C-alpha atoms as a PDB file:
ATOM      1  CA  MET A   1      10.914  12.984 -15.210  1.00  0.00           C
ATOM      2  CA  SER A   2      10.413   9.961 -12.995  1.00  0.00           C
ATOM      3  CA  ILE A   3      13.259   7.973 -11.488  1.00  0.00           C
ATOM      4  CA  ILE A   4      13.502   4.361 -12.633  1.00  0.00           C
ATOM      5  CA  THR A   5      14.822   1.574 -10.426  1.00  0.00           C
ATOM      6  CA  TYR A   6      15.466  -2.000 -11.536  1.00  0.00           C
ATOM      7  CA  ALA A   7      14.658  -5.471 -10.249  1.00  0.00           C
ATOM      8  CA  ALA A   8      18.366  -6.363 -10.407  1.00  0.00           C
ATOM      9  CA  GLY A   9      21.525  -4.540  -9.342  1.00  0.00           C
ATOM     10  CA  LEU A  10      22.485  -2.150  -6.566  1.00  0.00           C
ATOM     11  CA  PRO A  11      22.698   1.658  -6.581  1.00  0.00           C
ATOM     12  CA  THR A  12      25.971   3.438  -5.838  1.00  0.00           C
ATOM     13  CA  ILE A  13      25.749   6.310  -3.345  1.00  0.00           C
ATOM     14  CA  ASP A  14      27.566   9.548  -4.191  1.00  0.00           C
ATOM     15  CA  ARG A  15      26.669  11.623  -1.111  1.00  0.00           C
ATOM     16  CA  ALA A  16      24.100  11.553   1.656  1.00  0.00           C
ATOM     17  CA  GLY A  17      23.141  13.549   4.734  1.00  0.00           C
ATOM     18  CA  PHE A  18      20.910  16.148   6.369  1.00  0.00           C
ATOM     19  CA  PHE A  19      21.392  19.431   4.518  1.00  0.00           C
ATOM     20  CA  GLN A  20      20.269  23.031   4.882  1.00  0.00           C
ATOM     21  CA  LEU A  21      18.573  24.621   1.879  1.00  0.00           C
ATOM     22  CA  LEU A  22      20.682  27.720   1.199  1.00  0.00           C
ATOM     23  CA  ASN A  23      19.113  28.989  -2.029  1.00  0.00           C
ATOM     24  CA  PRO A  24      15.305  29.062  -1.594  1.00  0.00           C
ATOM     25  CA  VAL A  25      14.438  30.923  -4.825  1.00  0.00           C
ATOM     26  CA  PHE A  26      13.458  29.509  -8.222  1.00  0.00           C
ATOM     27  CA  GLU A  27      16.162  31.620  -9.911  1.00  0.00           C
ATOM     28  CA  PHE A  28      18.848  29.438  -8.311  1.00  0.00           C
ATOM     29  CA  THR A  29      18.949  26.210 -10.280  1.00  0.00           C
ATOM     30  CA  TYR A  30      20.560  22.846  -9.671  1.00  0.00           C
ATOM     31  CA  ARG A  31      21.606  20.256 -12.224  1.00  0.00           C
ATOM     32  CA  ASN A  32      23.332  17.013 -11.230  1.00  0.00           C
ATOM     33  CA  PRO A  33      24.638  13.902 -12.993  1.00  0.00           C
ATOM     34  CA  THR A  34      23.127  11.713 -10.252  1.00  0.00           C
ATOM     35  CA  ASN A  35      19.614  10.811  -9.182  1.00  0.00           C
ATOM     36  CA  VAL A  36      18.517  12.736  -6.070  1.00  0.00           C
ATOM     37  CA  ILE A  37      16.053  11.889  -3.296  1.00  0.00           C
ATOM     38  CA  HIS A  38      14.913  14.574  -0.822  1.00  0.00           C
ATOM     39  CA  LEU A  39      12.766  14.155   2.287  1.00  0.00           C
ATOM     40  CA  TYR A  40      11.722  17.586   3.578  1.00  0.00           C
ATOM     41  CA  ASP A  41      11.425  19.070   7.067  1.00  0.00           C
ATOM     42  CA  TYR A  42       9.812  22.305   5.800  1.00  0.00           C
ATOM     43  CA  HIS A  43       7.092  23.619   3.477  1.00  0.00           C
ATOM     44  CA  GLY A  44       7.944  24.842  -0.015  1.00  0.00           C
ATOM     45  CA  HIS A  45       7.762  24.445  -3.773  1.00  0.00           C
ATOM     46  CA  VAL A  46      10.089  22.596  -6.139  1.00  0.00           C
ATOM     47  CA  ARG A  47      10.344  22.875  -9.925  1.00  0.00           C
ATOM     48  CA  ILE A  48      11.642  19.781 -11.695  1.00  0.00           C
ATOM     49  CA  GLY A  49      12.021  20.475 -15.397  1.00  0.00           C
ATOM     50  CA  SER A  50       8.657  21.875 -16.451  1.00  0.00           C
ATOM     51  CA  LYS A  51       6.721  20.527 -13.448  1.00  0.00           C
ATOM     52  CA  GLU A  52       6.112  22.306 -10.148  1.00  0.00           C
ATOM     53  CA  HIS A  53       5.162  20.575  -6.891  1.00  0.00           C
ATOM     54  CA  THR A  54       4.123  21.911  -3.498  1.00  0.00           C
ATOM     55  CA  PHE A  55       5.659  19.864  -0.679  1.00  0.00           C
ATOM     56  CA  SER A  56       5.164  19.637   3.086  1.00  0.00           C
ATOM     57  CA  PRO A  57       7.286  18.170   5.913  1.00  0.00           C
ATOM     58  CA  GLY A  58       7.511  14.420   5.380  1.00  0.00           C
ATOM     59  CA  ASP A  59       7.115  14.562   1.582  1.00  0.00           C
ATOM     60  CA  ILE A  60       9.678  13.019  -0.757  1.00  0.00           C
ATOM     61  CA  THR A  61      10.798  14.160  -4.201  1.00  0.00           C
ATOM     62  CA  CYS A  62      12.777  11.941  -6.576  1.00  0.00           C
ATOM     63  CA  ILE A  63      14.747  13.801  -9.262  1.00  0.00           C
ATOM     64  CA  HIS A  64      16.279  12.070 -12.268  1.00  0.00           C
ATOM     65  CA  SER A  65      19.912  12.721 -13.173  1.00  0.00           C
ATOM     66  CA  GLY A  66      20.384  15.585 -15.634  1.00  0.00           C
ATOM     67  CA  SER A  67      17.162  17.360 -14.618  1.00  0.00           C
ATOM     68  CA  VAL A  68      17.168  21.082 -13.858  1.00  0.00           C
ATOM     69  CA  TYR A  69      15.442  21.815 -10.554  1.00  0.00           C
ATOM     70  CA  SER A  70      15.008  24.668  -8.088  1.00  0.00           C
ATOM     71  CA  PHE A  71      13.254  25.492  -4.818  1.00  0.00           C
ATOM     72  CA  ASN A  72      11.137  28.313  -3.447  1.00  0.00           C
ATOM     73  CA  THR A  73      10.163  28.749   0.204  1.00  0.00           C
ATOM     74  CA  GLU A  74       9.795  31.514   2.778  1.00  0.00           C
ATOM     75  CA  THR A  75      10.898  29.199   5.585  1.00  0.00           C
ATOM     76  CA  PRO A  76      13.954  27.262   4.370  1.00  0.00           C
ATOM     77  CA  GLY A  77      14.956  24.381   6.596  1.00  0.00           C
ATOM     78  CA  LYS A  78      16.805  21.091   6.274  1.00  0.00           C
ATOM     79  CA  HIS A  79      16.112  17.984   4.260  1.00  0.00           C
ATOM     80  CA  TRP A  80      17.500  14.472   4.101  1.00  0.00           C
ATOM     81  CA  CYS A  81      19.198  14.022   0.755  1.00  0.00           C
ATOM     82  CA  ILE A  82      20.779  11.069  -1.091  1.00  0.00           C
ATOM     83  CA  HIS A  83      22.575  11.388  -4.428  1.00  0.00           C
ATOM     84  CA  TYR A  84      23.083   8.052  -6.162  1.00  0.00           C
ATOM     85  CA  ASP A  85      23.631   6.289  -9.485  1.00  0.00           C
ATOM     86  CA  GLU A  86      21.943   3.118 -10.675  1.00  0.00           C
ATOM     87  CA  THR A  87      23.053   1.289 -13.807  1.00  0.00           C
ATOM     88  CA  ALA A  88      20.292   0.590 -16.290  1.00  0.00           C
ATOM     89  CA  THR A  89      19.741  -3.072 -17.124  1.00  0.00           C
ATOM     90  CA  HIS A  90      18.165  -4.638 -20.210  1.00  0.00           C
ATOM     91  CA  ALA A  91      16.557  -7.371 -18.145  1.00  0.00           C
ATOM     92  CA  PRO A  92      12.816  -7.099 -17.365  1.00  0.00           C
ATOM     93  CA  GLY A  93      11.959  -5.139 -14.250  1.00  0.00           C
ATOM     94  CA  ARG A  94      11.947  -1.368 -14.898  1.00  0.00           C
ATOM     95  CA  LEU A  95      10.116   0.120 -11.914  1.00  0.00           C
ATOM     96  CA  LYS A  96       8.944   3.735 -11.915  1.00  0.00           C
ATOM     97  CA  ILE A  97       9.011   6.013  -8.861  1.00  0.00           C
ATOM     98  CA  PRO A  98       6.959   9.256  -8.995  1.00  0.00           C
ATOM     99  CA  ASP A  99       8.799  12.572  -8.702  1.00  0.00           C
ATOM    100  CA  HIS A 100       6.648  13.660  -5.715  1.00  0.00           C
ATOM    101  CA  ILE A 101       5.254  11.377  -2.991  1.00  0.00           C
ATOM    102  CA  GLN A 102       3.206  12.507  -0.011  1.00  0.00           C
ATOM    103  CA  LEU A 103       4.163   9.963   2.640  1.00  0.00           C
ATOM    104  CA  GLY A 104       1.746  11.008   5.362  1.00  0.00           C
ATOM    105  CA  ALA A 105       1.923   8.555   8.259  1.00  0.00           C
ATOM    106  CA  ASN A 106       4.701   6.639   6.456  1.00  0.00           C
ATOM    107  CA  SER A 107       7.134   9.556   6.689  1.00  0.00           C
ATOM    108  CA  PHE A 108       8.599   8.457  10.043  1.00  0.00           C
ATOM    109  CA  PHE A 109       9.661   5.087   8.602  1.00  0.00           C
ATOM    110  CA  TYR A 110      11.277   6.650   5.509  1.00  0.00           C
ATOM    111  CA  ARG A 111      12.984   9.329   7.584  1.00  0.00           C
ATOM    112  CA  GLU A 112      14.579   6.644   9.754  1.00  0.00           C
ATOM    113  CA  GLN A 113      15.759   4.756   6.672  1.00  0.00           C
ATOM    114  CA  LEU A 114      17.306   7.848   5.074  1.00  0.00           C
ATOM    115  CA  GLN A 115      19.025   8.679   8.349  1.00  0.00           C
ATOM    116  CA  LEU A 116      20.425   5.152   8.679  1.00  0.00           C
ATOM    117  CA  ILE A 117      21.612   5.024   5.043  1.00  0.00           C
ATOM    118  CA  SER A 118      23.329   8.407   5.470  1.00  0.00           C
ATOM    119  CA  ARG A 119      25.055   7.310   8.663  1.00  0.00           C
ATOM    120  CA  LEU A 120      26.277   4.025   7.158  1.00  0.00           C
ATOM    121  CA  PHE A 121      27.529   5.735   4.009  1.00  0.00           C
ATOM    122  CA  SER A 122      29.269   8.595   5.800  1.00  0.00           C
ATOM    123  CA  THR A 123      31.089   6.482   8.369  1.00  0.00           C
ATOM    124  CA  HIS A 124      32.663   4.288   5.645  1.00  0.00           C
ATOM    125  CA  SER A 125      32.591   6.558   2.589  1.00  0.00           C
ATOM    126  CA  ASN A 126      36.282   5.962   1.836  1.00  0.00           C
ATOM    127  CA  GLN A 127      36.175   2.181   2.079  1.00  0.00           C
ATOM    128  CA  GLY A 128      34.843   1.378  -1.399  1.00  0.00           C
ATOM    129  CA  ASP A 129      31.508   0.082  -2.642  1.00  0.00           C
ATOM    130  CA  ASN A 130      32.217  -3.506  -1.548  1.00  0.00           C
ATOM    131  CA  ASP A 131      32.952  -2.635   2.069  1.00  0.00           C
ATOM    132  CA  PRO A 132      30.346  -4.489   4.210  1.00  0.00           C
ATOM    133  CA  ILE A 133      29.062  -1.247   5.729  1.00  0.00           C
ATOM    134  CA  GLN A 134      28.815   0.371   2.299  1.00  0.00           C
ATOM    135  CA  LEU A 135      27.039  -2.704   0.968  1.00  0.00           C
ATOM    136  CA  GLU A 136      24.503  -2.447   3.768  1.00  0.00           C
ATOM    137  CA  ALA A 137      23.886   1.208   2.857  1.00  0.00           C
ATOM    138  CA  ARG A 138      23.437   0.280  -0.809  1.00  0.00           C
ATOM    139  CA  PHE A 139      21.085  -2.621  -0.034  1.00  0.00           C
ATOM    140  CA  ARG A 140      19.020  -0.391   2.245  1.00  0.00           C
ATOM    141  CA  LEU A 141      18.809   2.283  -0.467  1.00  0.00           C
ATOM    142  CA  LYS A 142      17.674  -0.374  -2.948  1.00  0.00           C
ATOM    143  CA  ALA A 143      14.990  -1.528  -0.510  1.00  0.00           C
ATOM    144  CA  LEU A 144      13.914   2.096  -0.038  1.00  0.00           C
ATOM    145  CA  LEU A 145      13.545   2.611  -3.803  1.00  0.00           C
ATOM    146  CA  LEU A 146      11.499  -0.574  -4.135  1.00  0.00           C
ATOM    147  CA  ALA A 147       9.321   0.472  -1.187  1.00  0.00           C
ATOM    148  CA  LEU A 148       8.637   3.866  -2.806  1.00  0.00           C
ATOM    149  CA  HIS A 149       7.671   2.143  -6.055  1.00  0.00           C
ATOM    150  CA  ASN A 150       5.394  -0.315  -4.276  1.00  0.00           C
ATOM    151  CA  LEU A 151       3.784   2.457  -2.215  1.00  0.00           C
ATOM    152  CA  SER A 152       2.956   4.491  -5.327  1.00  0.00           C
ATOM    153  CA  VAL A 153       1.556   1.411  -7.130  1.00  0.00           C
ATOM    154  CA  SER A 154      -0.666   0.424  -4.205  1.00  0.00           C
ATOM    155  CA  ARG A 155      -2.019   3.979  -3.907  1.00  0.00           C
ATOM    156  CA  LEU A 156      -2.739   4.145  -7.628  1.00  0.00           C
ATOM    157  CA  SER A 157      -4.534   0.774  -7.540  1.00  0.00           C
ATOM    158  CA  GLY A 158      -6.626   1.906  -4.592  1.00  0.00           C
ATOM    159  CA  LYS A 159      -7.499   5.165  -6.342  1.00  0.00           C
ATOM    160  CA  ARG A 160      -8.622   3.278  -9.453  1.00  0.00           C
ATOM    161  CA  SER A 161     -10.775   0.842  -7.477  1.00  0.00           C
ATOM    162  CA  ARG A 162     -12.594   3.700  -5.722  1.00  0.00           C
ATOM    163  CA  SER A 163     -13.255   5.876  -8.746  1.00  0.00           C
ATOM    164  CA  ASN A 164     -15.131   5.623 -12.003  1.00  0.00           C
ATOM    165  CA  PHE A 165     -13.448   6.092 -15.376  1.00  0.00           C
ATOM    166  CA  SER A 166     -12.646   9.657 -16.366  1.00  0.00           C
ATOM    167  CA  TRP A 167     -10.624  11.135 -19.193  1.00  0.00           C
ATOM    168  CA  ASN A 168      -8.581  13.157 -16.705  1.00  0.00           C
ATOM    169  CA  ASN A 169      -7.462   9.998 -14.877  1.00  0.00           C
ATOM    170  CA  LEU A 170      -6.526   8.252 -18.106  1.00  0.00           C
ATOM    171  CA  LEU A 171      -4.672  11.229 -19.584  1.00  0.00           C
ATOM    172  CA  GLU A 172      -2.799  11.784 -16.325  1.00  0.00           C
ATOM    173  CA  TRP A 173      -1.773   8.129 -16.289  1.00  0.00           C
ATOM    174  CA  ILE A 174      -0.584   8.405 -19.900  1.00  0.00           C
ATOM    175  CA  ASP A 175       1.586  11.422 -19.042  1.00  0.00           C
ATOM    176  CA  ASP A 176       3.109   9.541 -16.098  1.00  0.00           C
ATOM    177  CA  ASN A 177       3.918   6.488 -18.231  1.00  0.00           C
ATOM    178  CA  LEU A 178       5.091   7.894 -21.562  1.00  0.00           C
ATOM    179  CA  ASP A 179       8.375   6.017 -21.200  1.00  0.00           C
ATOM    180  CA  GLN A 180       6.489   2.719 -21.372  1.00  0.00           C
ATOM    181  CA  PRO A 181       5.258   0.882 -24.523  1.00  0.00           C
ATOM    182  CA  LEU A 182       1.670   2.150 -24.510  1.00  0.00           C
ATOM    183  CA  SER A 183      -0.969   0.817 -26.893  1.00  0.00           C
ATOM    184  CA  VAL A 184      -4.714   1.157 -27.465  1.00  0.00           C
ATOM    185  CA  PRO A 185      -5.435  -2.355 -26.068  1.00  0.00           C
ATOM    186  CA  LEU A 186      -3.388  -1.610 -22.938  1.00  0.00           C
ATOM    187  CA  LEU A 187      -5.145   1.716 -22.359  1.00  0.00           C
ATOM    188  CA  ALA A 188      -8.528   0.126 -23.085  1.00  0.00           C
ATOM    189  CA  GLU A 189      -7.862  -2.509 -20.443  1.00  0.00           C
ATOM    190  CA  ARG A 190      -6.950   0.199 -17.967  1.00  0.00           C
ATOM    191  CA  ALA A 191     -10.137   2.132 -18.812  1.00  0.00           C
ATOM    192  CA  ASN A 192     -12.188  -1.087 -18.648  1.00  0.00           C
ATOM    193  CA  LEU A 193     -13.456  -0.531 -22.174  1.00  0.00           C
ATOM    194  CA  ALA A 194     -13.194  -2.471 -25.409  1.00  0.00           C
ATOM    195  CA  PRO A 195     -10.322  -1.152 -27.591  1.00  0.00           C
ATOM    196  CA  GLY A 196     -12.702  -0.118 -30.377  1.00  0.00           C
ATOM    197  CA  THR A 197     -14.993   1.651 -27.911  1.00  0.00           C
ATOM    198  CA  LEU A 198     -12.110   3.564 -26.325  1.00  0.00           C
ATOM    199  CA  ALA A 199     -10.731   4.592 -29.719  1.00  0.00           C
ATOM    200  CA  LYS A 200     -14.163   5.824 -30.849  1.00  0.00           C
ATOM    201  CA  LYS A 201     -14.889   7.694 -27.618  1.00  0.00           C
ATOM    202  CA  PHE A 202     -11.413   9.250 -27.611  1.00  0.00           C
ATOM    203  CA  LYS A 203     -11.754  10.590 -31.144  1.00  0.00           C
ATOM    204  CA  GLN A 204     -15.185  12.016 -30.336  1.00  0.00           C
ATOM    205  CA  ALA A 205     -13.932  13.715 -27.167  1.00  0.00           C
ATOM    206  CA  HIS A 206     -10.523  14.948 -28.356  1.00  0.00           C
ATOM    207  CA  LYS A 207     -10.879  15.302 -32.172  1.00  0.00           C
ATOM    208  CA  THR A 208      -7.804  13.134 -32.818  1.00  0.00           C
ATOM    209  CA  THR A 209      -6.879   9.462 -32.673  1.00  0.00           C
ATOM    210  CA  LEU A 210      -5.423   7.991 -29.526  1.00  0.00           C
ATOM    211  CA  SER A 211      -2.253   6.993 -31.411  1.00  0.00           C
ATOM    212  CA  GLN A 212      -1.735  10.552 -32.634  1.00  0.00           C
ATOM    213  CA  TYR A 213      -2.351  11.892 -29.142  1.00  0.00           C
ATOM    214  CA  LEU A 214       0.274   9.510 -27.696  1.00  0.00           C
ATOM    215  CA  LEU A 215       2.834  10.564 -30.306  1.00  0.00           C
ATOM    216  CA  HIS A 216       2.271  14.287 -29.699  1.00  0.00           C
ATOM    217  CA  ARG A 217       2.473  13.855 -25.907  1.00  0.00           C
ATOM    218  CA  ARG A 218       5.759  11.946 -26.319  1.00  0.00           C
ATOM    219  CA  ILE A 219       7.201  14.693 -28.510  1.00  0.00           C
ATOM    220  CA  ASP A 220       5.960  17.420 -26.124  1.00  0.00           C
ATOM    221  CA  LYS A 221       7.744  15.672 -23.256  1.00  0.00           C
ATOM    222  CA  ALA A 222      10.847  15.208 -25.420  1.00  0.00           C
ATOM    223  CA  LYS A 223      10.905  18.958 -26.145  1.00  0.00           C
ATOM    224  CA  SER A 224      10.786  19.695 -22.418  1.00  0.00           C
ATOM    225  CA  LEU A 225      13.651  17.286 -21.724  1.00  0.00           C
ATOM    226  CA  LEU A 226      15.738  18.644 -24.588  1.00  0.00           C
ATOM    227  CA  ALA A 227      15.322  22.220 -23.335  1.00  0.00           C
ATOM    228  CA  THR A 228      15.714  21.642 -19.585  1.00  0.00           C
ATOM    229  CA  THR A 229      18.090  18.698 -19.117  1.00  0.00           C
ATOM    230  CA  THR A 230      21.513  17.532 -20.244  1.00  0.00           C
ATOM    231  CA  LEU A 231      20.266  14.077 -21.250  1.00  0.00           C
ATOM    232  CA  THR A 232      21.577  12.695 -24.547  1.00  0.00           C
ATOM    233  CA  ILE A 233      19.232  12.390 -27.529  1.00  0.00           C
ATOM    234  CA  TYR A 234      19.114   8.625 -26.973  1.00  0.00           C
ATOM    235  CA  GLU A 235      18.236   9.112 -23.288  1.00  0.00           C
ATOM    236  CA  VAL A 236      15.508  11.606 -24.178  1.00  0.00           C
ATOM    237  CA  GLY A 237      14.015   9.139 -26.667  1.00  0.00           C
ATOM    238  CA  SER A 238      14.107   6.334 -24.096  1.00  0.00           C
ATOM    239  CA  ASN A 239      12.397   8.550 -21.532  1.00  0.00           C
ATOM    240  CA  VAL A 240       9.480   9.213 -23.858  1.00  0.00           C
ATOM    241  CA  GLY A 241       9.021   5.611 -24.966  1.00  0.00           C
ATOM    242  CA  ILE A 242      10.903   5.781 -28.307  1.00  0.00           C
ATOM    243  CA  PRO A 243      14.300   4.168 -27.551  1.00  0.00           C
ATOM    244  CA  ASP A 244      15.293   3.618 -31.212  1.00  0.00           C
ATOM    245  CA  PRO A 245      17.333   6.784 -32.043  1.00  0.00           C
ATOM    246  CA  GLN A 246      16.528   6.719 -35.770  1.00  0.00           C
ATOM    247  CA  TYR A 247      12.810   6.221 -35.201  1.00  0.00           C
ATOM    248  CA  PHE A 248      12.793   8.901 -32.504  1.00  0.00           C
ATOM    249  CA  ASN A 249      14.507  11.337 -34.885  1.00  0.00           C
ATOM    250  CA  LYS A 250      11.980  10.501 -37.615  1.00  0.00           C
ATOM    251  CA  GLN A 251       8.952  10.940 -35.350  1.00  0.00           C
ATOM    252  CA  PHE A 252      10.321  14.146 -33.820  1.00  0.00           C
ATOM    253  CA  ARG A 253      10.840  15.617 -37.303  1.00  0.00           C
ATOM    254  CA  LYS A 254       7.356  14.474 -38.330  1.00  0.00           C
ATOM    255  CA  VAL A 255       5.723  16.411 -35.488  1.00  0.00           C
ATOM    256  CA  SER A 256       8.130  19.357 -35.080  1.00  0.00           C
ATOM    257  CA  GLY A 257       9.584  19.841 -38.536  1.00  0.00           C
ATOM    258  CA  ILE A 258      13.175  19.820 -37.208  1.00  0.00           C
ATOM    259  CA  SER A 259      15.550  17.314 -35.647  1.00  0.00           C
ATOM    260  CA  PRO A 260      15.914  16.865 -31.867  1.00  0.00           C
ATOM    261  CA  SER A 261      19.440  18.295 -32.040  1.00  0.00           C
ATOM    262  CA  CYS A 262      18.264  21.426 -33.847  1.00  0.00           C
ATOM    263  CA  TYR A 263      15.423  21.870 -31.393  1.00  0.00           C
ATOM    264  CA  ARG A 264      17.865  21.655 -28.483  1.00  0.00           C
ATOM    265  CA  ASP A 265      20.187  24.196 -30.109  1.00  0.00           C
ATOM    266  CA  ASP A 266      17.272  26.603 -30.625  1.00  0.00           C
ATOM    267  CA  ASN A 267      15.792  26.198 -27.140  1.00  0.00           C
ATOM    268  CA  LEU A 268      18.681  25.814 -24.725  1.00  0.00           C
ATOM    269  CA  GLU A 269      18.720  29.481 -23.778  1.00  0.00           C
ATOM    270  CA  TYR A 270      17.239  28.540 -20.403  1.00  0.00           C
ATOM    271  CA  LEU A 271      20.265  26.405 -19.599  1.00  0.00           C
ATOM    272  CA  ARG A 272      22.739  28.791 -21.198  1.00  0.00           C
ATOM    273  CA  SER A 273      21.429  31.675 -19.107  1.00  0.00           C
ATOM    274  CA  ILE A 274      22.327  29.987 -15.810  1.00  0.00           C
ATOM    275  CA  PRO A 275      25.587  31.572 -14.558  1.00  0.00           C
ATOM    276  CA  ASP A 276      28.244  29.127 -13.363  1.00  0.00           C
ATOM    277  CA  GLU A 277      28.048  30.496  -9.848  1.00  0.00           C
ATOM    278  CA  ARG A 278      24.318  29.752  -9.736  1.00  0.00           C
ATOM    279  CA  SER A 279      24.391  26.094 -10.703  1.00  0.00           C
ATOM    280  CA  THR A 280      26.057  22.948  -9.496  1.00  0.00           C
ATOM    281  CA  GLN A 281      29.173  21.636 -11.160  1.00  0.00           C
ATOM    282  CA  ASP A 282      29.866  17.894 -11.499  1.00  0.00           C
ATOM    283  CA  GLY A 283      27.212  17.085  -8.946  1.00  0.00           C
ATOM    284  CA  ARG A 284      28.816  19.167  -6.193  1.00  0.00           C
ATOM    285  CA  TRP A 285      27.384  22.216  -4.473  1.00  0.00           C
ATOM    286  CA  GLN A 286      29.118  25.575  -4.611  1.00  0.00           C
ATOM    287  CA  GLU A 287      29.683  25.744  -0.866  1.00  0.00           C
ATOM    288  CA  PRO A 288      32.737  23.683   0.199  1.00  0.00           C
ATOM    289  CA  PRO A 289      31.564  20.308   1.610  1.00  0.00           C
ATOM    290  CA  GLN A 290      32.082  19.690   5.292  1.00  0.00           C
ATOM    291  CA  GLN A 291      30.921  16.608   7.167  1.00  0.00           C
ATOM    292  CA  ALA A 292      28.640  14.536   4.919  1.00  0.00           C
ATOM    293  CA  TYR A 293      26.293  13.183   7.606  1.00  0.00           C
ATOM    294  CA  ALA A 294      23.950  15.425   9.563  1.00  0.00           C
ATOM    295  CA  ASP A 295      24.751  18.858  10.936  1.00  0.00           C
ATOM    296  CA  THR A 296      26.112  20.032   7.561  1.00  0.00           C
ATOM    297  CA  ASP A 297      24.939  23.181   5.815  1.00  0.00           C
ATOM    298  CA  ASP A 298      26.328  22.655   2.315  1.00  0.00           C
ATOM    299  CA  HIS A 299      23.111  22.108   0.376  1.00  0.00           C
END
């Protein structure tokens, strides 16, 4: 599930630093009540909910609060890590950040920013959110989130301008934007087709209407979130583009035959099977924290 940042407001940092990966196997799972950003200094794989990504040094992953995630690598190393909260706003300006970004030549800039934010936060972590040093750390984190959003948008725009229409591109974009209010006219504009033409071509290619496809993809994503995160039913609905709880319940029942709550009760074995000693509690790691900035080995 993608992280969302907002045009207004500042994030609040919970912890930040340069941490050693101590549990490099998929069987060891993490689950935190905060959003998490990692920038890696090693090669490996990360599972976030039902998705798996392969990352390299300089890559960033952005993990939404409540998500279950785990790592696998033969060469565990250290990564820059920031845990933070950001209050949702009802004002316009919801900006999506992908869960995996290959920074390439940009990695040096982002590494420096994560290092600076961690240093500012750690040197004044007990001074309160309105301390000038803490405010600088929060403003810099906000700028970092906006930069990641803008980078992903510019890359996507460039990819679209260089490629012809394909169903794979459109369906991938739909999956990445299920939390948004999607419609046939919007998707037709993106595909550079007339709405009627897109609807006709879609039904011919996929043997269902585009509206039905959107609904089933939303419910499929909702099932994954219900089974692999601790998000509330309302939060799950919002993350699949159906923020009205009653309408979400109705549509979920229509597709699945049961309510979201019943589905969660029937499919939470994955979360229930995680022993306490193999998961995080209250956003804290099992190893006792030492110094928050650099040179720590508590991740």
